[in-house]
Protein backbone atom coordinates (compact mmCIF):
# COMPACT_ATOMS: atom_id res chain seq x y z
CA MET A 1 116.85 31.42 101.10
CA PRO A 2 113.70 32.29 102.45
CA ASN A 3 111.58 33.83 99.70
CA SER A 4 112.22 37.86 99.74
CA LYS A 5 109.08 39.31 98.04
CA ARG A 6 109.48 43.26 97.65
CA ARG A 7 105.85 44.95 98.02
CA SER A 8 105.49 48.05 96.49
CA PHE A 9 103.10 51.05 96.93
CA THR A 10 99.86 50.82 95.14
CA LEU A 11 98.11 53.67 93.20
CA LEU A 12 95.80 53.90 96.27
CA GLU A 13 98.64 54.77 98.70
CA ILE A 14 100.27 57.41 96.71
CA MET A 15 97.42 59.22 95.65
CA LEU A 16 96.51 59.20 99.18
CA ALA A 17 99.95 60.72 100.68
CA LEU A 18 99.60 63.23 97.95
CA LEU A 19 96.07 64.57 98.90
CA ILE A 20 97.38 64.72 102.81
CA LEU A 21 100.49 66.85 101.36
CA ALA A 22 98.48 68.76 99.36
CA THR A 23 95.94 69.73 101.81
CA ALA A 24 98.64 70.56 104.30
CA ALA A 25 100.15 72.71 101.45
CA GLY A 26 97.05 74.66 101.08
CA PHE A 27 96.45 75.17 105.06
CA MET A 28 99.89 76.80 105.43
CA GLY A 29 99.77 78.79 102.30
CA TRP A 30 96.60 79.89 103.25
CA LYS A 31 98.60 80.84 106.90
CA VAL A 32 100.92 82.63 105.19
CA LYS A 33 98.93 84.64 103.30
CA ASP A 34 97.04 85.84 106.29
CA LEU A 35 100.43 86.31 108.71
CA LEU A 36 102.16 88.80 105.46
CA ASN A 37 98.31 90.68 104.88
CA ARG A 38 98.50 91.07 108.90
CA HIS A 39 102.37 92.24 108.87
CA TYR A 40 101.55 94.75 106.12
CA PHE A 41 98.63 96.38 108.05
CA GLU A 42 100.82 97.12 110.88
CA ASP A 43 103.71 98.54 108.99
CA ASP A 44 101.33 100.99 107.50
CA VAL A 45 99.71 102.24 111.00
CA VAL A 46 103.48 101.87 112.24
CA GLY A 47 104.76 103.85 109.15
CA PHE A 48 102.18 106.62 110.07
CA TYR A 49 102.51 107.28 113.59
CA HIS A 50 106.23 107.50 112.43
CA GLU A 51 105.41 110.28 110.19
CA LEU A 52 102.71 111.66 113.00
CA GLU A 53 105.48 111.89 115.37
CA VAL A 54 107.72 113.59 112.50
CA ALA A 55 105.19 116.14 111.90
CA GLN A 56 104.60 116.73 115.94
CA LEU A 57 108.64 117.95 115.80
CA CYS A 58 108.23 119.27 112.85
CA ALA A 59 105.11 121.79 114.10
CA LEU A 60 107.25 122.47 117.13
CA ALA A 61 110.59 123.09 115.35
CA LEU A 62 108.63 125.27 112.69
CA HIS A 63 106.03 127.25 115.20
CA SER A 64 103.81 125.83 112.28
CA GLU A 65 100.23 124.02 111.74
CA ILE A 66 100.36 121.00 110.46
CA LYS A 67 96.87 119.48 108.78
CA ILE A 68 96.89 115.79 107.93
CA ASP A 69 93.75 115.35 105.31
CA PHE A 70 92.50 111.48 104.98
CA SER A 71 90.85 110.49 102.45
CA GLN A 72 89.39 106.88 100.79
CA LYS A 73 90.33 105.51 97.44
CA ASP A 74 89.44 102.18 96.77
CA GLU A 75 88.84 101.41 99.88
CA ARG A 76 92.07 102.05 101.11
CA CYS A 77 93.42 105.17 102.97
CA GLU A 78 95.34 107.55 102.36
CA ALA A 79 96.92 110.74 104.45
CA LYS A 80 98.28 114.13 102.77
CA PHE A 81 100.69 116.07 105.17
CA VAL A 82 99.40 119.85 104.35
CA THR A 83 101.75 123.27 105.55
CA ASP A 84 102.60 126.30 104.95
CA GLU A 85 106.31 125.85 105.20
CA MET A 86 108.84 124.97 103.07
CA ILE A 87 109.54 121.26 104.41
CA LEU A 88 107.05 119.80 102.52
CA GLU A 89 109.79 119.81 99.49
CA THR A 90 112.34 118.01 101.98
CA TRP A 91 109.56 115.80 103.56
CA SER A 92 110.09 112.20 102.72
CA LYS A 93 106.77 111.37 102.00
CA PRO A 94 104.18 114.19 101.73
CA VAL A 95 101.31 111.28 100.82
CA ARG A 96 101.17 108.35 102.86
CA LYS A 97 99.04 105.52 101.11
CA LEU A 98 97.70 103.25 103.34
CA LYS A 99 97.28 100.40 101.29
CA TYR A 100 95.98 97.43 104.07
CA VAL A 101 93.95 100.06 106.09
CA GLN A 102 90.35 100.06 105.10
CA GLU A 103 89.30 102.75 107.73
CA ILE A 104 90.62 105.38 110.29
CA ARG A 105 87.86 106.66 112.87
CA VAL A 106 87.67 108.28 115.79
CA ASN A 107 84.45 108.16 118.14
CA ASN A 108 83.23 105.52 115.41
CA LEU A 109 83.19 108.43 112.79
CA PRO A 110 85.75 108.39 110.10
CA LEU A 111 87.79 110.75 109.94
CA LYS A 112 88.62 113.10 107.71
CA GLN A 113 91.25 115.76 108.78
CA LEU A 114 93.37 115.69 111.65
CA THR A 115 95.50 118.96 112.78
CA ILE A 116 98.39 119.40 114.80
CA ASP A 117 98.86 122.59 116.44
CA ALA A 118 102.07 124.92 116.53
CA ASN A 119 102.89 123.40 120.14
CA GLY A 120 102.75 119.82 118.87
CA VAL A 121 99.13 118.80 120.73
CA VAL A 122 97.13 117.05 118.11
CA GLN A 123 93.21 118.53 117.74
CA PRO A 124 90.40 117.53 118.08
CA PRO A 125 92.08 117.15 121.55
CA LYS A 126 91.51 113.60 123.06
CA THR A 127 91.74 112.18 120.10
CA ARG A 128 92.30 108.30 119.47
CA LEU A 129 92.48 106.82 116.51
CA PHE A 130 91.56 103.71 115.39
CA PHE A 131 93.06 101.85 112.15
CA SER A 132 90.93 98.86 110.84
CA SER A 133 91.91 96.17 108.45
CA GLN A 134 89.64 92.75 107.57
CA ASP A 135 90.31 91.00 110.95
CA ARG A 136 92.77 93.49 112.65
CA SER A 137 92.09 97.03 114.65
CA TYR A 138 95.02 99.17 115.83
CA GLY A 139 94.57 102.08 117.85
CA ILE A 140 96.99 105.56 118.18
CA ASP A 141 96.37 107.62 121.34
CA CYS A 142 97.14 111.15 120.46
CA SER A 143 95.33 112.52 123.77
CA LYS A 144 98.90 113.83 125.34
CA PRO A 145 100.98 116.34 123.88
CA LEU A 146 104.01 115.39 122.48
CA LYS A 147 103.46 111.78 123.18
CA ILE A 148 101.57 109.61 120.96
CA TYR A 149 101.28 105.75 122.36
CA LEU A 150 101.32 103.05 119.78
CA GLU A 151 98.84 100.49 121.37
CA PRO A 152 97.92 97.62 119.58
CA ASN A 153 94.23 96.63 120.02
CA PRO A 154 93.30 93.16 118.40
CA ARG A 155 89.32 93.24 119.54
CA GLY A 156 88.66 96.41 117.43
CA GLU A 157 86.99 98.15 120.79
CA ASP A 158 85.10 101.77 120.78
CA GLY A 159 87.66 104.85 121.30
CA ASP A 160 85.99 105.45 124.75
CA GLN A 161 87.97 103.15 126.51
CA GLU A 162 91.09 104.01 128.57
CA PRO A 163 94.33 102.94 127.34
CA PRO A 164 95.85 100.13 129.64
CA VAL A 165 98.51 101.09 132.04
């Protein structure tokens, strides 16, 4: 019988394999965290977009003006929907906390207030909102009455550019 001697792994080989696995796990954890933060940011913007649509419909239905006051708390944005109508008692969220949005701006200026008039038109006219986070930016074009378009803007460009056709 031939001499069959089993060779086991050395401590150095085991440590090297563990180091490679730990590095790969750390890299994947970092990427998952970035993906989750991006998802939460997009969820904030899309949620605000839908509430803006509801506010437009309510302004039309009630023939009433709705104001949206924006404030900054702890480097995060907050939007408060205000109207004279009793709709706020039944509104799902009169205050929308945008936890992952760091800034909302119009024409490179921070946005303080937005108004939806009784015709459903967003004031000031030709408004394009830009939501920004650390590495991501989205724009909402509110310049057309009754139509609010959600357009991704990953490069964070200025509001002077026309939306893609």
